[in-house]
Amino acid sequence: MSASMVRATVRAVSKRKILATRAALTLTPSAVSKIRVLLQDKPEYIGLKVGVRTRGCNGLTYTLDYTKDRDKSDEEVLQDGVRVFIEKKAQLTLLGTEMDFVESKLSRGNGPTAH
């Protein structure tokens, strides 16, 4: 293969715009429904924000809060009309995870889980 062919190929690939193929976080239908319920009486909030905090010697714990605005470093996940924002500090930790909401007789809760 000649050097000019290699350079042309590299040049074409390097100018291609890279688009994200997946959302940083996916929501199950149950999570989408619960988020809608949580936000329906709170019109001043635009969505939920997921973050992480250092906790003890075990590492990180997730946080989930209402948010009125988007920080410029937040990753926005828009799914089925629901907006979830991921704080910059949590983006790598949550990449490729799924948020679910589960309710049973013994417990109920939500949280990201890795796949």
PDB file of N, CA and C in Angstrom:
ATOM      1  N   MET A   1       0.860  -1.173   0.000  1.00  0.00           N
ATOM      2  CA  MET A   1       0.000   0.000   0.000  1.00  0.00           C
ATOM      3  C   MET A   1       0.900   1.227   0.000  1.00  0.00           C
ATOM      4  N   SER A   2       0.558   2.201  -0.816  1.00  0.00           N
ATOM      5  CA  SER A   2       1.407   3.390  -0.901  1.00  0.00           C
ATOM      6  C   SER A   2       1.131   4.336   0.258  1.00  0.00           C
ATOM      7  N   ALA A   3       2.111   5.173   0.547  1.00  0.00           N
ATOM      8  CA  ALA A   3       1.980   6.133   1.653  1.00  0.00           C
ATOM      9  C   ALA A   3       0.867   7.134   1.392  1.00  0.00           C
ATOM     10  N   SER A   4       0.656   7.529   0.129  1.00  0.00           N
ATOM     11  CA  SER A   4      -0.398   8.512  -0.166  1.00  0.00           C
ATOM     12  C   SER A   4      -1.782   7.937   0.113  1.00  0.00           C
ATOM     13  N   MET A   5      -1.974   6.643  -0.125  1.00  0.00           N
ATOM     14  CA  MET A   5      -3.266   6.027   0.173  1.00  0.00           C
ATOM     15  C   MET A   5      -3.513   5.986   1.676  1.00  0.00           C
ATOM     16  N   VAL A   6      -2.480   5.705   2.439  1.00  0.00           N
ATOM     17  CA  VAL A   6      -2.612   5.667   3.890  1.00  0.00           C
ATOM     18  C   VAL A   6      -2.946   7.042   4.427  1.00  0.00           C
ATOM     19  N   ARG A   7      -2.247   8.070   3.970  1.00  0.00           N
ATOM     20  CA  ARG A   7      -2.519   9.436   4.431  1.00  0.00           C
ATOM     21  C   ARG A   7      -3.934   9.863   4.070  1.00  0.00           C
ATOM     22  N   ALA A   8      -4.392   9.541   2.877  1.00  0.00           N
ATOM     23  CA  ALA A   8      -5.738   9.919   2.450  1.00  0.00           C
ATOM     24  C   ALA A   8      -6.786   9.237   3.330  1.00  0.00           C
ATOM     25  N   THR A   9      -6.559   7.984   3.645  1.00  0.00           N
ATOM     26  CA  THR A   9      -7.493   7.251   4.489  1.00  0.00           C
ATOM     27  C   THR A   9      -7.534   7.836   5.894  1.00  0.00           C
ATOM     28  N   VAL A  10      -6.387   8.127   6.455  1.00  0.00           N
ATOM     29  CA  VAL A  10      -6.316   8.707   7.792  1.00  0.00           C
ATOM     30  C   VAL A  10      -6.965  10.073   7.818  1.00  0.00           C
ATOM     31  N   ARG A  11      -6.739  10.870   6.793  1.00  0.00           N
ATOM     32  CA  ARG A  11      -7.307  12.207   6.727  1.00  0.00           C
ATOM     33  C   ARG A  11      -8.838  12.132   6.682  1.00  0.00           C
ATOM     34  N   ALA A  12      -9.385  11.223   5.897  1.00  0.00           N
ATOM     35  CA  ALA A  12     -10.841  11.097   5.788  1.00  0.00           C
ATOM     36  C   ALA A  12     -11.455  10.675   7.121  1.00  0.00           C
ATOM     37  N   VAL A  13     -10.827   9.756   7.804  1.00  0.00           N
ATOM     38  CA  VAL A  13     -11.347   9.285   9.086  1.00  0.00           C
ATOM     39  C   VAL A  13     -11.214  10.355  10.155  1.00  0.00           C
ATOM     40  N   SER A  14     -10.116  11.091  10.159  1.00  0.00           N
ATOM     41  CA  SER A  14      -9.908  12.089  11.203  1.00  0.00           C
ATOM     42  C   SER A  14     -10.860  13.275  11.075  1.00  0.00           C
ATOM     43  N   LYS A  15     -11.415  13.527   9.900  1.00  0.00           N
ATOM     44  CA  LYS A  15     -12.346  14.646   9.724  1.00  0.00           C
ATOM     45  C   LYS A  15     -13.796  14.244   9.958  1.00  0.00           C
ATOM     46  N   ARG A  16     -14.038  12.969  10.137  1.00  0.00           N
ATOM     47  CA  ARG A  16     -15.401  12.501  10.371  1.00  0.00           C
ATOM     48  C   ARG A  16     -15.847  12.920  11.763  1.00  0.00           C
ATOM     49  N   LYS A  17     -17.054  13.427  11.859  1.00  0.00           N
ATOM     50  CA  LYS A  17     -17.590  13.830  13.154  1.00  0.00           C
ATOM     51  C   LYS A  17     -18.043  12.594  13.920  1.00  0.00           C
ATOM     52  N   ILE A  18     -17.581  12.471  15.149  1.00  0.00           N
ATOM     53  CA  ILE A  18     -17.934  11.325  15.979  1.00  0.00           C
ATOM     54  C   ILE A  18     -19.224  11.637  16.732  1.00  0.00           C
ATOM     55  N   LEU A  19     -20.186  10.754  16.608  1.00  0.00           N
ATOM     56  CA  LEU A  19     -21.471  10.922  17.286  1.00  0.00           C
ATOM     57  C   LEU A  19     -21.634   9.844  18.349  1.00  0.00           C
ATOM     58  N   ALA A  20     -22.226  10.213  19.446  1.00  0.00           N
ATOM     59  CA  ALA A  20     -22.484   9.237  20.507  1.00  0.00           C
ATOM     60  C   ALA A  20     -23.494   8.213  20.014  1.00  0.00           C
ATOM     61  N   THR A  21     -23.269   6.977  20.347  1.00  0.00           N
ATOM     62  CA  THR A  21     -24.177   5.926  19.898  1.00  0.00           C
ATOM     63  C   THR A  21     -25.167   5.508  20.985  1.00  0.00           C
ATOM     64  N   ARG A  22     -24.850   5.777  22.228  1.00  0.00           N
ATOM     65  CA  ARG A  22     -25.724   5.409  23.339  1.00  0.00           C
ATOM     66  C   ARG A  22     -25.764   6.525  24.352  1.00  0.00           C
ATOM     67  N   ALA A  23     -26.860   6.559  25.085  1.00  0.00           N
ATOM     68  CA  ALA A  23     -26.949   7.515  26.184  1.00  0.00           C
ATOM     69  C   ALA A  23     -26.042   7.049  27.318  1.00  0.00           C
ATOM     70  N   ALA A  24     -25.559   7.987  28.093  1.00  0.00           N
ATOM     71  CA  ALA A  24     -24.684   7.653  29.225  1.00  0.00           C
ATOM     72  C   ALA A  24     -25.418   6.792  30.245  1.00  0.00           C
ATOM     73  N   LEU A  25     -26.716   7.003  30.355  1.00  0.00           N
ATOM     74  CA  LEU A  25     -27.552   6.310  31.331  1.00  0.00           C
ATOM     75  C   LEU A  25     -28.874   6.007  30.643  1.00  0.00           C
ATOM     76  N   THR A  26     -29.379   4.805  30.781  1.00  0.00           N
ATOM     77  CA  THR A  26     -30.696   4.494  30.238  1.00  0.00           C
ATOM     78  C   THR A  26     -31.677   4.307  31.387  1.00  0.00           C
ATOM     79  N   LEU A  27     -32.927   4.602  31.106  1.00  0.00           N
ATOM     80  CA  LEU A  27     -33.988   4.512  32.112  1.00  0.00           C
ATOM     81  C   LEU A  27     -34.964   3.414  31.717  1.00  0.00           C
ATOM     82  N   THR A  28     -35.361   2.604  32.670  1.00  0.00           N
ATOM     83  CA  THR A  28     -36.392   1.606  32.399  1.00  0.00           C
ATOM     84  C   THR A  28     -37.744   2.320  32.363  1.00  0.00           C
ATOM     85  N   PRO A  29     -38.756   1.707  31.760  1.00  0.00           N
ATOM     86  CA  PRO A  29     -40.092   2.318  31.775  1.00  0.00           C
ATOM     87  C   PRO A  29     -40.592   2.612  33.194  1.00  0.00           C
ATOM     88  N   SER A  30     -40.258   1.751  34.136  1.00  0.00           N
ATOM     89  CA  SER A  30     -40.646   1.967  35.532  1.00  0.00           C
ATOM     90  C   SER A  30     -39.988   3.227  36.095  1.00  0.00           C
ATOM     91  N   ALA A  31     -38.717   3.443  35.778  1.00  0.00           N
ATOM     92  CA  ALA A  31     -38.009   4.643  36.243  1.00  0.00           C
ATOM     93  C   ALA A  31     -38.593   5.896  35.606  1.00  0.00           C
ATOM     94  N   VAL A  32     -38.899   5.837  34.315  1.00  0.00           N
ATOM     95  CA  VAL A  32     -39.497   6.988  33.629  1.00  0.00           C
ATOM     96  C   VAL A  32     -40.825   7.349  34.284  1.00  0.00           C
ATOM     97  N   SER A  33     -41.654   6.352  34.555  1.00  0.00           N
ATOM     98  CA  SER A  33     -42.956   6.601  35.202  1.00  0.00           C
ATOM     99  C   SER A  33     -42.792   7.234  36.575  1.00  0.00           C
ATOM    100  N   LYS A  34     -41.866   6.723  37.369  1.00  0.00           N
ATOM    101  CA  LYS A  34     -41.661   7.259  38.721  1.00  0.00           C
ATOM    102  C   LYS A  34     -41.135   8.689  38.670  1.00  0.00           C
ATOM    103  N   ILE A  35     -40.226   8.979  37.749  1.00  0.00           N
ATOM    104  CA  ILE A  35     -39.698  10.343  37.621  1.00  0.00           C
ATOM    105  C   ILE A  35     -40.814  11.302  37.229  1.00  0.00           C
ATOM    106  N   ARG A  36     -41.687  10.883  36.320  1.00  0.00           N
ATOM    107  CA  ARG A  36     -42.835  11.726  35.941  1.00  0.00           C
ATOM    108  C   ARG A  36     -43.706  12.038  37.155  1.00  0.00           C
ATOM    109  N   VAL A  37     -43.978  11.031  37.970  1.00  0.00           N
ATOM    110  CA  VAL A  37     -44.791  11.223  39.180  1.00  0.00           C
ATOM    111  C   VAL A  37     -44.094  12.191  40.133  1.00  0.00           C
ATOM    112  N   LEU A  38     -42.793  12.024  40.316  1.00  0.00           N
ATOM    113  CA  LEU A  38     -42.043  12.899  41.226  1.00  0.00           C
ATOM    114  C   LEU A  38     -42.057  14.355  40.769  1.00  0.00           C
ATOM    115  N   LEU A  39     -42.042  14.576  39.458  1.00  0.00           N
ATOM    116  CA  LEU A  39     -41.940  15.940  38.932  1.00  0.00           C
ATOM    117  C   LEU A  39     -43.286  16.597  38.624  1.00  0.00           C
ATOM    118  N   GLN A  40     -44.372  15.851  38.616  1.00  0.00           N
ATOM    119  CA  GLN A  40     -45.649  16.408  38.173  1.00  0.00           C
ATOM    120  C   GLN A  40     -46.143  17.567  39.035  1.00  0.00           C
ATOM    121  N   ASP A  41     -45.853  17.578  40.314  1.00  0.00           N
ATOM    122  CA  ASP A  41     -46.289  18.661  41.198  1.00  0.00           C
ATOM    123  C   ASP A  41     -45.184  19.672  41.474  1.00  0.00           C
ATOM    124  N   LYS A  42     -44.118  19.608  40.705  1.00  0.00           N
ATOM    125  CA  LYS A  42     -42.971  20.497  40.917  1.00  0.00           C
ATOM    126  C   LYS A  42     -42.567  21.157  39.601  1.00  0.00           C
ATOM    127  N   PRO A  43     -43.383  22.064  39.082  1.00  0.00           N
ATOM    128  CA  PRO A  43     -43.092  22.669  37.771  1.00  0.00           C
ATOM    129  C   PRO A  43     -41.826  23.520  37.743  1.00  0.00           C
ATOM    130  N   GLU A  44     -41.324  23.914  38.908  1.00  0.00           N
ATOM    131  CA  GLU A  44     -40.110  24.737  38.939  1.00  0.00           C
ATOM    132  C   GLU A  44     -38.849  23.919  38.649  1.00  0.00           C
ATOM    133  N   TYR A  45     -38.954  22.598  38.691  1.00  0.00           N
ATOM    134  CA  TYR A  45     -37.805  21.729  38.435  1.00  0.00           C
ATOM    135  C   TYR A  45     -37.863  21.191  37.006  1.00  0.00           C
ATOM    136  N   ILE A  46     -36.695  21.091  36.365  1.00  0.00           N
ATOM    137  CA  ILE A  46     -36.642  20.617  34.979  1.00  0.00           C
ATOM    138  C   ILE A  46     -36.308  19.131  34.882  1.00  0.00           C
ATOM    139  N   GLY A  47     -35.892  18.530  35.978  1.00  0.00           N
ATOM    140  CA  GLY A  47     -35.546  17.113  35.961  1.00  0.00           C
ATOM    141  C   GLY A  47     -34.867  16.697  37.242  1.00  0.00           C
ATOM    142  N   LEU A  48     -34.231  15.543  37.175  1.00  0.00           N
ATOM    143  CA  LEU A  48     -33.474  15.020  38.309  1.00  0.00           C
ATOM    144  C   LEU A  48     -31.989  15.047  37.986  1.00  0.00           C
ATOM    145  N   LYS A  49     -31.174  15.195  39.030  1.00  0.00           N
ATOM    146  CA  LYS A  49     -29.720  15.184  38.855  1.00  0.00           C
ATOM    147  C   LYS A  49     -29.132  14.029  39.652  1.00  0.00           C
ATOM    148  N   VAL A  50     -28.298  13.235  38.978  1.00  0.00           N
ATOM    149  CA  VAL A  50     -27.619  12.109  39.604  1.00  0.00           C
ATOM    150  C   VAL A  50     -26.168  12.507  39.837  1.00  0.00           C
ATOM    151  N   GLY A  51     -25.678  12.201  41.023  1.00  0.00           N
ATOM    152  CA  GLY A  51     -24.287  12.493  41.343  1.00  0.00           C
ATOM    153  C   GLY A  51     -23.696  11.391  42.196  1.00  0.00           C
ATOM    154  N   VAL A  52     -22.448  11.554  42.553  1.00  0.00           N
ATOM    155  CA  VAL A  52     -21.789  10.619  43.467  1.00  0.00           C
ATOM    156  C   VAL A  52     -21.101  11.409  44.558  1.00  0.00           C
ATOM    157  N   ARG A  53     -21.029  10.827  45.724  1.00  0.00           N
ATOM    158  CA  ARG A  53     -20.332  11.421  46.862  1.00  0.00           C
ATOM    159  C   ARG A  53     -19.432  10.356  47.473  1.00  0.00           C
ATOM    160  N   THR A  54     -18.315  10.791  48.022  1.00  0.00           N
ATOM    161  CA  THR A  54     -17.419   9.877  48.715  1.00  0.00           C
ATOM    162  C   THR A  54     -18.069   9.471  50.028  1.00  0.00           C
ATOM    163  N   ARG A  55     -18.007   8.182  50.315  1.00  0.00           N
ATOM    164  CA  ARG A  55     -18.651   7.700  51.538  1.00  0.00           C
ATOM    165  C   ARG A  55     -17.761   6.669  52.217  1.00  0.00           C
ATOM    166  N   GLY A  56     -17.288   7.006  53.379  1.00  0.00           N
ATOM    167  CA  GLY A  56     -16.501   6.077  54.187  1.00  0.00           C
ATOM    168  C   GLY A  56     -15.328   5.486  53.440  1.00  0.00           C
ATOM    169  N   CYS A  57     -14.979   4.280  53.792  1.00  0.00           N
ATOM    170  CA  CYS A  57     -13.841   3.620  53.153  1.00  0.00           C
ATOM    171  C   CYS A  57     -14.277   2.755  51.975  1.00  0.00           C
ATOM    172  N   ASN A  58     -15.577   2.636  51.751  1.00  0.00           N
ATOM    173  CA  ASN A  58     -16.073   1.790  50.669  1.00  0.00           C
ATOM    174  C   ASN A  58     -16.142   2.489  49.326  1.00  0.00           C
ATOM    175  N   GLY A  59     -15.912   3.769  49.281  1.00  0.00           N
ATOM    176  CA  GLY A  59     -15.915   4.436  47.989  1.00  0.00           C
ATOM    177  C   GLY A  59     -17.028   5.430  47.814  1.00  0.00           C
ATOM    178  N   LEU A  60     -17.876   5.199  46.810  1.00  0.00           N
ATOM    179  CA  LEU A  60     -18.853   6.193  46.392  1.00  0.00           C
ATOM    180  C   LEU A  60     -20.283   5.754  46.683  1.00  0.00           C
ATOM    181  N   THR A  61     -21.144   6.742  46.871  1.00  0.00           N
ATOM    182  CA  THR A  61     -22.577   6.511  46.991  1.00  0.00           C
ATOM    183  C   THR A  61     -23.278   7.439  46.004  1.00  0.00           C
ATOM    184  N   TYR A  62     -24.407   7.007  45.467  1.00  0.00           N
ATOM    185  CA  TYR A  62     -25.156   7.818  44.508  1.00  0.00           C
ATOM    186  C   TYR A  62     -26.036   8.828  45.223  1.00  0.00           C
ATOM    187  N   THR A  63     -26.231   9.978  44.586  1.00  0.00           N
ATOM    188  CA  THR A  63     -27.180  10.977  45.073  1.00  0.00           C
ATOM    189  C   THR A  63     -28.200  11.229  43.968  1.00  0.00           C
ATOM    190  N   LEU A  64     -29.399  11.581  44.346  1.00  0.00           N
ATOM    191  CA  LEU A  64     -30.464  11.879  43.400  1.00  0.00           C
ATOM    192  C   LEU A  64     -31.230  13.073  43.943  1.00  0.00           C
ATOM    193  N   ASP A  65     -31.216  14.179  43.188  1.00  0.00           N
ATOM    194  CA  ASP A  65     -31.845  15.416  43.637  1.00  0.00           C
ATOM    195  C   ASP A  65     -32.659  16.035  42.512  1.00  0.00           C
ATOM    196  N   TYR A  66     -33.622  16.869  42.883  1.00  0.00           N
ATOM    197  CA  TYR A  66     -34.317  17.690  41.901  1.00  0.00           C
ATOM    198  C   TYR A  66     -33.361  18.777  41.426  1.00  0.00           C
ATOM    199  N   THR A  67     -33.538  19.233  40.175  1.00  0.00           N
ATOM    200  CA  THR A  67     -32.702  20.327  39.689  1.00  0.00           C
ATOM    201  C   THR A  67     -33.544  21.342  38.923  1.00  0.00           C
ATOM    202  N   LYS A  68     -33.209  22.609  39.124  1.00  0.00           N
ATOM    203  CA  LYS A  68     -33.904  23.699  38.436  1.00  0.00           C
ATOM    204  C   LYS A  68     -33.182  24.135  37.172  1.00  0.00           C
ATOM    205  N   ASP A  69     -31.900  23.792  37.070  1.00  0.00           N
ATOM    206  CA  ASP A  69     -31.135  24.188  35.887  1.00  0.00           C
ATOM    207  C   ASP A  69     -30.042  23.171  35.599  1.00  0.00           C
ATOM    208  N   ARG A  70     -29.477  23.302  34.421  1.00  0.00           N
ATOM    209  CA  ARG A  70     -28.410  22.409  33.986  1.00  0.00           C
ATOM    210  C   ARG A  70     -27.082  23.138  34.076  1.00  0.00           C
ATOM    211  N   ASP A  71     -26.126  22.536  34.780  1.00  0.00           N
ATOM    212  CA  ASP A  71     -24.768  23.069  34.768  1.00  0.00           C
ATOM    213  C   ASP A  71     -24.152  22.736  33.418  1.00  0.00           C
ATOM    214  N   LYS A  72     -23.246  23.587  32.945  1.00  0.00           N
ATOM    215  CA  LYS A  72     -22.690  23.355  31.609  1.00  0.00           C
ATOM    216  C   LYS A  72     -21.870  22.073  31.528  1.00  0.00           C
ATOM    217  N   SER A  73     -21.417  21.543  32.652  1.00  0.00           N
ATOM    218  CA  SER A  73     -20.640  20.296  32.634  1.00  0.00           C
ATOM    219  C   SER A  73     -21.509  19.047  32.822  1.00  0.00           C
ATOM    220  N   ASP A  74     -22.815  19.227  33.049  1.00  0.00           N
ATOM    221  CA  ASP A  74     -23.712  18.082  33.226  1.00  0.00           C
ATOM    222  C   ASP A  74     -23.962  17.377  31.897  1.00  0.00           C
ATOM    223  N   GLU A  75     -24.081  16.076  31.948  1.00  0.00           N
ATOM    224  CA  GLU A  75     -24.506  15.276  30.800  1.00  0.00           C
ATOM    225  C   GLU A  75     -26.020  15.142  30.902  1.00  0.00           C
ATOM    226  N   GLU A  76     -26.728  15.475  29.832  1.00  0.00           N
ATOM    227  CA  GLU A  76     -28.186  15.388  29.851  1.00  0.00           C
ATOM    228  C   GLU A  76     -28.646  14.106  29.177  1.00  0.00           C
ATOM    229  N   VAL A  77     -29.531  13.391  29.841  1.00  0.00           N
ATOM    230  CA  VAL A  77     -30.166  12.210  29.276  1.00  0.00           C
ATOM    231  C   VAL A  77     -31.642  12.549  29.131  1.00  0.00           C
ATOM    232  N   LEU A  78     -32.126  12.534  27.903  1.00  0.00           N
ATOM    233  CA  LEU A  78     -33.531  12.808  27.617  1.00  0.00           C
ATOM    234  C   LEU A  78     -34.136  11.522  27.074  1.00  0.00           C
ATOM    235  N   GLN A  79     -35.068  10.963  27.808  1.00  0.00           N
ATOM    236  CA  GLN A  79     -35.684   9.702  27.397  1.00  0.00           C
ATOM    237  C   GLN A  79     -37.170   9.750  27.701  1.00  0.00           C
ATOM    238  N   ASP A  80     -37.981   9.530  26.698  1.00  0.00           N
ATOM    239  CA  ASP A  80     -39.439   9.499  26.839  1.00  0.00           C
ATOM    240  C   ASP A  80     -39.979  10.747  27.534  1.00  0.00           C
ATOM    241  N   GLY A  81     -39.396  11.900  27.231  1.00  0.00           N
ATOM    242  CA  GLY A  81     -39.857  13.163  27.791  1.00  0.00           C
ATOM    243  C   GLY A  81     -39.351  13.473  29.185  1.00  0.00           C
ATOM    244  N   VAL A  82     -38.529  12.610  29.749  1.00  0.00           N
ATOM    245  CA  VAL A  82     -37.978  12.798  31.092  1.00  0.00           C
ATOM    246  C   VAL A  82     -36.514  13.209  30.964  1.00  0.00           C
ATOM    247  N   ARG A  83     -36.114  14.198  31.774  1.00  0.00           N
ATOM    248  CA  ARG A  83     -34.733  14.679  31.736  1.00  0.00           C
ATOM    249  C   ARG A  83     -34.013  14.307  33.028  1.00  0.00           C
ATOM    250  N   VAL A  84     -32.858  13.656  32.849  1.00  0.00           N
ATOM    251  CA  VAL A  84     -31.982  13.315  33.966  1.00  0.00           C
ATOM    252  C   VAL A  84     -30.614  13.888  33.637  1.00  0.00           C
ATOM    253  N   PHE A  85     -30.022  14.577  34.598  1.00  0.00           N
ATOM    254  CA  PHE A  85     -28.712  15.190  34.410  1.00  0.00           C
ATOM    255  C   PHE A  85     -27.698  14.442  35.261  1.00  0.00           C
ATOM    256  N   ILE A  86     -26.520  14.230  34.696  1.00  0.00           N
ATOM    257  CA  ILE A  86     -25.458  13.526  35.413  1.00  0.00           C
ATOM    258  C   ILE A  86     -24.339  14.513  35.686  1.00  0.00           C
ATOM    259  N   GLU A  87     -24.011  14.694  36.967  1.00  0.00           N
ATOM    260  CA  GLU A  87     -22.917  15.591  37.341  1.00  0.00           C
ATOM    261  C   GLU A  87     -21.613  15.107  36.718  1.00  0.00           C
ATOM    262  N   LYS A  88     -20.734  16.040  36.443  1.00  0.00           N
ATOM    263  CA  LYS A  88     -19.459  15.707  35.801  1.00  0.00           C
ATOM    264  C   LYS A  88     -18.698  14.634  36.572  1.00  0.00           C
ATOM    265  N   LYS A  89     -18.673  14.744  37.881  1.00  0.00           N
ATOM    266  CA  LYS A  89     -17.934  13.807  38.726  1.00  0.00           C
ATOM    267  C   LYS A  89     -18.479  12.380  38.624  1.00  0.00           C
ATOM    268  N   ALA A  90     -19.742  12.238  38.249  1.00  0.00           N
ATOM    269  CA  ALA A  90     -20.378  10.919  38.196  1.00  0.00           C
ATOM    270  C   ALA A  90     -20.418  10.316  36.797  1.00  0.00           C
ATOM    271  N   GLN A  91     -20.034  11.070  35.787  1.00  0.00           N
ATOM    272  CA  GLN A  91     -20.221  10.613  34.414  1.00  0.00           C
ATOM    273  C   GLN A  91     -19.496   9.313  34.093  1.00  0.00           C
ATOM    274  N   LEU A  92     -18.247   9.187  34.468  1.00  0.00           N
ATOM    275  CA  LEU A  92     -17.527   7.942  34.175  1.00  0.00           C
ATOM    276  C   LEU A  92     -18.043   6.779  35.012  1.00  0.00           C
ATOM    277  N   THR A  93     -18.451   7.057  36.223  1.00  0.00           N
ATOM    278  CA  THR A  93     -18.972   6.009  37.100  1.00  0.00           C
ATOM    279  C   THR A  93     -20.291   5.447  36.572  1.00  0.00           C
ATOM    280  N   LEU A  94     -21.120   6.307  35.980  1.00  0.00           N
ATOM    281  CA  LEU A  94     -22.454   5.898  35.543  1.00  0.00           C
ATOM    282  C   LEU A  94     -22.537   5.517  34.069  1.00  0.00           C
ATOM    283  N   LEU A  95     -21.477   5.676  33.324  1.00  0.00           N
ATOM    284  CA  LEU A  95     -21.479   5.397  31.889  1.00  0.00           C
ATOM    285  C   LEU A  95     -21.919   3.961  31.609  1.00  0.00           C
ATOM    286  N   GLY A  96     -22.965   3.824  30.803  1.00  0.00           N
ATOM    287  CA  GLY A  96     -23.451   2.503  30.424  1.00  0.00           C
ATOM    288  C   GLY A  96     -24.343   1.832  31.446  1.00  0.00           C
ATOM    289  N   THR A  97     -24.846   2.573  32.427  1.00  0.00           N
ATOM    290  CA  THR A  97     -25.694   1.969  33.455  1.00  0.00           C
ATOM    291  C   THR A  97     -27.172   2.160  33.137  1.00  0.00           C
ATOM    292  N   GLU A  98     -27.992   1.454  33.857  1.00  0.00           N
ATOM    293  CA  GLU A  98     -29.439   1.535  33.701  1.00  0.00           C
ATOM    294  C   GLU A  98     -30.055   1.924  35.039  1.00  0.00           C
ATOM    295  N   MET A  99     -30.956   2.897  35.015  1.00  0.00           N
ATOM    296  CA  MET A  99     -31.665   3.295  36.226  1.00  0.00           C
ATOM    297  C   MET A  99     -33.045   2.648  36.194  1.00  0.00           C
ATOM    298  N   ASP A 100     -33.403   2.028  37.303  1.00  0.00           N
ATOM    299  CA  ASP A 100     -34.671   1.333  37.417  1.00  0.00           C
ATOM    300  C   ASP A 100     -35.363   1.792  38.687  1.00  0.00           C
ATOM    301  N   PHE A 101     -36.663   1.581  38.771  1.00  0.00           N
ATOM    302  CA  PHE A 101     -37.413   1.804  40.006  1.00  0.00           C
ATOM    303  C   PHE A 101     -38.159   0.515  40.293  1.00  0.00           C
ATOM    304  N   VAL A 102     -37.920  -0.037  41.478  1.00  0.00           N
ATOM    305  CA  VAL A 102     -38.527  -1.306  41.867  1.00  0.00           C
ATOM    306  C   VAL A 102     -39.270  -1.095  43.172  1.00  0.00           C
ATOM    307  N   GLU A 103     -40.490  -1.607  43.228  1.00  0.00           N
ATOM    308  CA  GLU A 103     -41.286  -1.510  44.450  1.00  0.00           C
ATOM    309  C   GLU A 103     -41.829  -2.895  44.776  1.00  0.00           C
ATOM    310  N   SER A 104     -41.613  -3.333  46.013  1.00  0.00           N
ATOM    311  CA  SER A 104     -42.130  -4.626  46.464  1.00  0.00           C
ATOM    312  C   SER A 104     -42.709  -4.443  47.864  1.00  0.00           C
ATOM    313  N   LYS A 105     -43.215  -5.508  48.440  1.00  0.00           N
ATOM    314  CA  LYS A 105     -43.781  -5.416  49.785  1.00  0.00           C
ATOM    315  C   LYS A 105     -42.721  -5.094  50.827  1.00  0.00           C
ATOM    316  N   LEU A 106     -41.484  -5.477  50.566  1.00  0.00           N
ATOM    317  CA  LEU A 106     -40.413  -5.271  51.540  1.00  0.00           C
ATOM    318  C   LEU A 106     -39.604  -4.001  51.309  1.00  0.00           C
ATOM    319  N   SER A 107     -39.555  -3.544  50.087  1.00  0.00           N
ATOM    320  CA  SER A 107     -38.725  -2.366  49.810  1.00  0.00           C
ATOM    321  C   SER A 107     -39.158  -1.693  48.524  1.00  0.00           C
ATOM    322  N   ARG A 108     -38.617  -0.504  48.331  1.00  0.00           N
ATOM    323  CA  ARG A 108     -38.783   0.178  47.061  1.00  0.00           C
ATOM    324  C   ARG A 108     -37.568   1.064  46.883  1.00  0.00           C
ATOM    325  N   GLY A 109     -37.207   1.314  45.653  1.00  0.00           N
ATOM    326  CA  GLY A 109     -36.032   2.140  45.439  1.00  0.00           C
ATOM    327  C   GLY A 109     -35.663   2.232  43.984  1.00  0.00           C
ATOM    328  N   ASN A 110     -34.640   3.012  43.762  1.00  0.00           N
ATOM    329  CA  ASN A 110     -34.149   3.206  42.411  1.00  0.00           C
ATOM    330  C   ASN A 110     -32.644   3.351  42.477  1.00  0.00           C
ATOM    331  N   GLY A 111     -32.005   3.103  41.393  1.00  0.00           N
ATOM    332  CA  GLY A 111     -30.563   3.268  41.369  1.00  0.00           C
ATOM    333  C   GLY A 111     -29.975   2.726  40.096  1.00  0.00           C
ATOM    334  N   PRO A 112     -28.846   3.268  39.709  1.00  0.00           N
ATOM    335  CA  PRO A 112     -28.174   2.779  38.510  1.00  0.00           C
ATOM    336  C   PRO A 112     -27.523   1.423  38.777  1.00  0.00           C
ATOM    337  N   THR A 113     -27.579   0.556  37.798  1.00  0.00           N
ATOM    338  CA  THR A 113     -26.882  -0.719  37.874  1.00  0.00           C
ATOM    339  C   THR A 113     -26.125  -0.938  36.582  1.00  0.00           C
ATOM    340  N   ALA A 114     -24.930  -1.428  36.677  1.00  0.00           N
ATOM    341  CA  ALA A 114     -24.101  -1.659  35.494  1.00  0.00           C
ATOM    342  C   ALA A 114     -24.543  -2.928  34.785  1.00  0.00           C
ATOM    343  N   HIS A 115     -24.421  -2.907  33.464  1.00  0.00           N
ATOM    344  CA  HIS A 115     -24.716  -4.096  32.648  1.00  0.00           C
ATOM    345  C   HIS A 115     -23.467  -4.550  31.963  1.00  0.00           C
TER     346      HIS A 115
END
